[in-house]
Amino acid sequence: MTYGPEAQIEELRAELRNADPAERAEISAELEQVRTELASMIAVADDAHAGEPPQ
């Protein structure tokens, strides 16, 4: 099953709240990676719509 990056971010944030110190760095890095991927997806979508006339 796949789910969107927003859901993955929320799941990682929940894990981060309950993580022990040894896991925090790993979860934080994964969270930052997913946030970067989401920002890239948004930028691509914005670029795709930039050339379209307003409706």
PDB file of N, CA and C in Angstrom:
ATOM      1  N   MET A   1       0.840  -1.183   0.000  1.00  0.00           N
ATOM      2  CA  MET A   1       0.000   0.000   0.000  1.00  0.00           C
ATOM      3  C   MET A   1       0.886   1.248   0.000  1.00  0.00           C
ATOM      4  N   THR A   2       0.550   2.182  -0.821  1.00  0.00           N
ATOM      5  CA  THR A   2       1.285   3.438  -0.843  1.00  0.00           C
ATOM      6  C   THR A   2       0.407   4.543  -0.280  1.00  0.00           C
ATOM      7  N   TYR A   3       1.044   5.573   0.222  1.00  0.00           N
ATOM      8  CA  TYR A   3       0.299   6.722   0.708  1.00  0.00           C
ATOM      9  C   TYR A   3       1.110   7.967   0.430  1.00  0.00           C
ATOM     10  N   GLY A   4       0.448   9.090   0.500  1.00  0.00           N
ATOM     11  CA  GLY A   4       1.062  10.343   0.119  1.00  0.00           C
ATOM     12  C   GLY A   4       2.117  10.822   1.096  1.00  0.00           C
ATOM     13  N   PRO A   5       2.931  11.742   0.619  1.00  0.00           N
ATOM     14  CA  PRO A   5       3.993  12.274   1.469  1.00  0.00           C
ATOM     15  C   PRO A   5       3.462  12.994   2.707  1.00  0.00           C
ATOM     16  N   GLU A   6       2.283  13.597   2.604  1.00  0.00           N
ATOM     17  CA  GLU A   6       1.726  14.275   3.778  1.00  0.00           C
ATOM     18  C   GLU A   6       1.471  13.281   4.910  1.00  0.00           C
ATOM     19  N   ALA A   7       0.913  12.114   4.557  1.00  0.00           N
ATOM     20  CA  ALA A   7       0.652  11.079   5.553  1.00  0.00           C
ATOM     21  C   ALA A   7       1.958  10.535   6.129  1.00  0.00           C
ATOM     22  N   GLN A   8       2.948  10.384   5.282  1.00  0.00           N
ATOM     23  CA  GLN A   8       4.241   9.888   5.729  1.00  0.00           C
ATOM     24  C   GLN A   8       4.889  10.892   6.688  1.00  0.00           C
ATOM     25  N   ILE A   9       4.755  12.180   6.399  1.00  0.00           N
ATOM     26  CA  ILE A   9       5.294  13.213   7.277  1.00  0.00           C
ATOM     27  C   ILE A   9       4.618  13.152   8.641  1.00  0.00           C
ATOM     28  N   GLU A  10       3.306  13.025   8.652  1.00  0.00           N
ATOM     29  CA  GLU A  10       2.589  12.950   9.925  1.00  0.00           C
ATOM     30  C   GLU A  10       3.001  11.712  10.723  1.00  0.00           C
ATOM     31  N   GLU A  11       3.178  10.601  10.047  1.00  0.00           N
ATOM     32  CA  GLU A  11       3.603   9.378  10.723  1.00  0.00           C
ATOM     33  C   GLU A  11       4.995   9.550  11.327  1.00  0.00           C
ATOM     34  N   LEU A  12       5.906  10.141  10.564  1.00  0.00           N
ATOM     35  CA  LEU A  12       7.260  10.354  11.069  1.00  0.00           C
ATOM     36  C   LEU A  12       7.283  11.342  12.231  1.00  0.00           C
ATOM     37  N   ARG A  13       6.449  12.378  12.162  1.00  0.00           N
ATOM     38  CA  ARG A  13       6.372  13.329  13.270  1.00  0.00           C
ATOM     39  C   ARG A  13       5.889  12.637  14.537  1.00  0.00           C
ATOM     40  N   ALA A  14       4.925  11.732  14.410  1.00  0.00           N
ATOM     41  CA  ALA A  14       4.436  10.985  15.564  1.00  0.00           C
ATOM     42  C   ALA A  14       5.537  10.075  16.117  1.00  0.00           C
ATOM     43  N   GLU A  15       6.261   9.418  15.237  1.00  0.00           N
ATOM     44  CA  GLU A  15       7.370   8.570  15.673  1.00  0.00           C
ATOM     45  C   GLU A  15       8.429   9.399  16.388  1.00  0.00           C
ATOM     46  N   LEU A  16       8.696  10.583  15.870  1.00  0.00           N
ATOM     47  CA  LEU A  16       9.718  11.450  16.451  1.00  0.00           C
ATOM     48  C   LEU A  16       9.345  11.862  17.874  1.00  0.00           C
ATOM     49  N   ARG A  17       8.072  12.136  18.097  1.00  0.00           N
ATOM     50  CA  ARG A  17       7.620  12.520  19.444  1.00  0.00           C
ATOM     51  C   ARG A  17       7.872  11.420  20.464  1.00  0.00           C
ATOM     52  N   ASN A  18       7.784  10.168  20.030  1.00  0.00           N
ATOM     53  CA  ASN A  18       7.901   9.036  20.946  1.00  0.00           C
ATOM     54  C   ASN A  18       9.243   8.312  20.853  1.00  0.00           C
ATOM     55  N   ALA A  19      10.178   8.853  20.088  1.00  0.00           N
ATOM     56  CA  ALA A  19      11.448   8.171  19.856  1.00  0.00           C
ATOM     57  C   ALA A  19      12.413   8.381  21.015  1.00  0.00           C
ATOM     58  N   ASP A  20      13.244   7.369  21.212  1.00  0.00           N
ATOM     59  CA  ASP A  20      14.310   7.547  22.186  1.00  0.00           C
ATOM     60  C   ASP A  20      15.451   8.311  21.511  1.00  0.00           C
ATOM     61  N   PRO A  21      16.358   8.862  22.292  1.00  0.00           N
ATOM     62  CA  PRO A  21      17.423   9.701  21.717  1.00  0.00           C
ATOM     63  C   PRO A  21      18.235   9.020  20.616  1.00  0.00           C
ATOM     64  N   ALA A  22      18.416   7.740  20.701  1.00  0.00           N
ATOM     65  CA  ALA A  22      19.202   7.031  19.686  1.00  0.00           C
ATOM     66  C   ALA A  22      18.494   7.010  18.330  1.00  0.00           C
ATOM     67  N   GLU A  23      17.170   7.034  18.333  1.00  0.00           N
ATOM     68  CA  GLU A  23      16.406   6.979  17.079  1.00  0.00           C
ATOM     69  C   GLU A  23      16.104   8.359  16.502  1.00  0.00           C
ATOM     70  N   ARG A  24      16.188   9.392  17.299  1.00  0.00           N
ATOM     71  CA  ARG A  24      15.764  10.732  16.879  1.00  0.00           C
ATOM     72  C   ARG A  24      16.496  11.231  15.635  1.00  0.00           C
ATOM     73  N   ALA A  25      17.798  11.047  15.560  1.00  0.00           N
ATOM     74  CA  ALA A  25      18.564  11.538  14.415  1.00  0.00           C
ATOM     75  C   ALA A  25      18.141  10.838  13.123  1.00  0.00           C
ATOM     76  N   GLU A  26      17.940   9.538  13.200  1.00  0.00           N
ATOM     77  CA  GLU A  26      17.535   8.774  12.016  1.00  0.00           C
ATOM     78  C   GLU A  26      16.148   9.209  11.541  1.00  0.00           C
ATOM     79  N   ILE A  27      15.214   9.338  12.466  1.00  0.00           N
ATOM     80  CA  ILE A  27      13.853   9.737  12.108  1.00  0.00           C
ATOM     81  C   ILE A  27      13.841  11.174  11.588  1.00  0.00           C
ATOM     82  N   SER A  28      14.614  12.051  12.209  1.00  0.00           N
ATOM     83  CA  SER A  28      14.694  13.444  11.752  1.00  0.00           C
ATOM     84  C   SER A  28      15.231  13.526  10.325  1.00  0.00           C
ATOM     85  N   ALA A  29      16.229  12.732  10.019  1.00  0.00           N
ATOM     86  CA  ALA A  29      16.793  12.724   8.666  1.00  0.00           C
ATOM     87  C   ALA A  29      15.768  12.221   7.652  1.00  0.00           C
ATOM     88  N   GLU A  30      15.047  11.173   8.004  1.00  0.00           N
ATOM     89  CA  GLU A  30      14.018  10.650   7.105  1.00  0.00           C
ATOM     90  C   GLU A  30      12.896  11.667   6.911  1.00  0.00           C
ATOM     91  N   LEU A  31      12.523  12.344   7.988  1.00  0.00           N
ATOM     92  CA  LEU A  31      11.491  13.371   7.915  1.00  0.00           C
ATOM     93  C   LEU A  31      11.925  14.508   6.991  1.00  0.00           C
ATOM     94  N   GLU A  32      13.156  14.939   7.114  1.00  0.00           N
ATOM     95  CA  GLU A  32      13.655  16.012   6.256  1.00  0.00           C
ATOM     96  C   GLU A  32      13.675  15.578   4.794  1.00  0.00           C
ATOM     97  N   GLN A  33      14.017  14.321   4.537  1.00  0.00           N
ATOM     98  CA  GLN A  33      14.039  13.806   3.168  1.00  0.00           C
ATOM     99  C   GLN A  33      12.634  13.826   2.557  1.00  0.00           C
ATOM    100  N   VAL A  34      11.640  13.399   3.313  1.00  0.00           N
ATOM    101  CA  VAL A  34      10.265  13.380   2.805  1.00  0.00           C
ATOM    102  C   VAL A  34       9.763  14.807   2.585  1.00  0.00           C
ATOM    103  N   ARG A  35      10.105  15.709   3.496  1.00  0.00           N
ATOM    104  CA  ARG A  35       9.707  17.117   3.322  1.00  0.00           C
ATOM    105  C   ARG A  35      10.332  17.699   2.057  1.00  0.00           C
ATOM    106  N   THR A  36      11.580  17.363   1.781  1.00  0.00           N
ATOM    107  CA  THR A  36      12.250  17.832   0.571  1.00  0.00           C
ATOM    108  C   THR A  36      11.581  17.271  -0.677  1.00  0.00           C
ATOM    109  N   GLU A  37      11.227  15.996  -0.635  1.00  0.00           N
ATOM    110  CA  GLU A  37      10.534  15.378  -1.767  1.00  0.00           C
ATOM    111  C   GLU A  37       9.180  16.037  -2.012  1.00  0.00           C
ATOM    112  N   LEU A  38       8.452  16.339  -0.941  1.00  0.00           N
ATOM    113  CA  LEU A  38       7.150  16.996  -1.074  1.00  0.00           C
ATOM    114  C   LEU A  38       7.324  18.395  -1.669  1.00  0.00           C
ATOM    115  N   ALA A  39       8.314  19.137  -1.196  1.00  0.00           N
ATOM    116  CA  ALA A  39       8.564  20.474  -1.730  1.00  0.00           C
ATOM    117  C   ALA A  39       8.900  20.402  -3.224  1.00  0.00           C
ATOM    118  N   SER A  40       9.650  19.389  -3.620  1.00  0.00           N
ATOM    119  CA  SER A  40       9.988  19.206  -5.031  1.00  0.00           C
ATOM    120  C   SER A  40       8.742  18.892  -5.855  1.00  0.00           C
ATOM    121  N   MET A  41       7.876  18.051  -5.325  1.00  0.00           N
ATOM    122  CA  MET A  41       6.636  17.708  -6.025  1.00  0.00           C
ATOM    123  C   MET A  41       5.754  18.943  -6.198  1.00  0.00           C
ATOM    124  N   ILE A  42       5.687  19.773  -5.180  1.00  0.00           N
ATOM    125  CA  ILE A  42       4.894  20.998  -5.247  1.00  0.00           C
ATOM    126  C   ILE A  42       5.478  21.951  -6.273  1.00  0.00           C
ATOM    127  N   ALA A  43       6.805  22.078  -6.294  1.00  0.00           N
ATOM    128  CA  ALA A  43       7.449  22.964  -7.259  1.00  0.00           C
ATOM    129  C   ALA A  43       7.190  22.508  -8.687  1.00  0.00           C
ATOM    130  N   VAL A  44       7.253  21.222  -8.928  1.00  0.00           N
ATOM    131  CA  VAL A  44       6.986  20.686 -10.269  1.00  0.00           C
ATOM    132  C   VAL A  44       5.541  20.975 -10.666  1.00  0.00           C
ATOM    133  N   ALA A  45       4.619  20.765  -9.737  1.00  0.00           N
ATOM    134  CA  ALA A  45       3.207  21.027 -10.033  1.00  0.00           C
ATOM    135  C   ALA A  45       2.978  22.513 -10.306  1.00  0.00           C
ATOM    136  N   ASP A  46       3.614  23.370  -9.519  1.00  0.00           N
ATOM    137  CA  ASP A  46       3.481  24.812  -9.737  1.00  0.00           C
ATOM    138  C   ASP A  46       4.023  25.213 -11.108  1.00  0.00           C
ATOM    139  N   ASP A  47       5.153  24.642 -11.492  1.00  0.00           N
ATOM    140  CA  ASP A  47       5.737  24.942 -12.805  1.00  0.00           C
ATOM    141  C   ASP A  47       4.821  24.475 -13.931  1.00  0.00           C
ATOM    142  N   ALA A  48       4.189  23.329 -13.737  1.00  0.00           N
ATOM    143  CA  ALA A  48       3.304  22.793 -14.762  1.00  0.00           C
ATOM    144  C   ALA A  48       2.082  23.689 -14.968  1.00  0.00           C
ATOM    145  N   HIS A  49       1.630  24.334 -13.904  1.00  0.00           N
ATOM    146  CA  HIS A  49       0.440  25.192 -13.974  1.00  0.00           C
ATOM    147  C   HIS A  49       0.789  26.641 -14.304  1.00  0.00           C
ATOM    148  N   ALA A  50       2.043  26.996 -14.255  1.00  0.00           N
ATOM    149  CA  ALA A  50       2.429  28.391 -14.470  1.00  0.00           C
ATOM    150  C   ALA A  50       2.125  28.855 -15.892  1.00  0.00           C
ATOM    151  N   GLY A  51       2.198  27.980 -16.859  1.00  0.00           N
ATOM    152  CA  GLY A  51       1.960  28.357 -18.231  1.00  0.00           C
ATOM    153  C   GLY A  51       0.507  28.323 -18.650  1.00  0.00           C
ATOM    154  N   GLU A  52      -0.364  27.860 -17.779  1.00  0.00           N
ATOM    155  CA  GLU A  52      -1.781  27.766 -18.123  1.00  0.00           C
ATOM    156  C   GLU A  52      -2.484  29.088 -17.874  1.00  0.00           C
ATOM    157  N   PRO A  53      -3.419  29.444 -18.751  1.00  0.00           N
ATOM    158  CA  PRO A  53      -4.168  30.674 -18.517  1.00  0.00           C
ATOM    159  C   PRO A  53      -5.131  30.503 -17.345  1.00  0.00           C
ATOM    160  N   PRO A  54      -5.423  31.563 -16.627  1.00  0.00           N
ATOM    161  CA  PRO A  54      -6.369  31.447 -15.500  1.00  0.00           C
ATOM    162  C   PRO A  54      -7.762  31.104 -16.000  1.00  0.00           C
ATOM    163  N   GLN A  55      -8.522  30.433 -15.160  1.00  0.00           N
ATOM    164  CA  GLN A  55      -9.879  30.030 -15.553  1.00  0.00           C
ATOM    165  C   GLN A  55     -10.905  30.869 -14.861  1.00  0.00           C
TER     166      GLN A  55
END
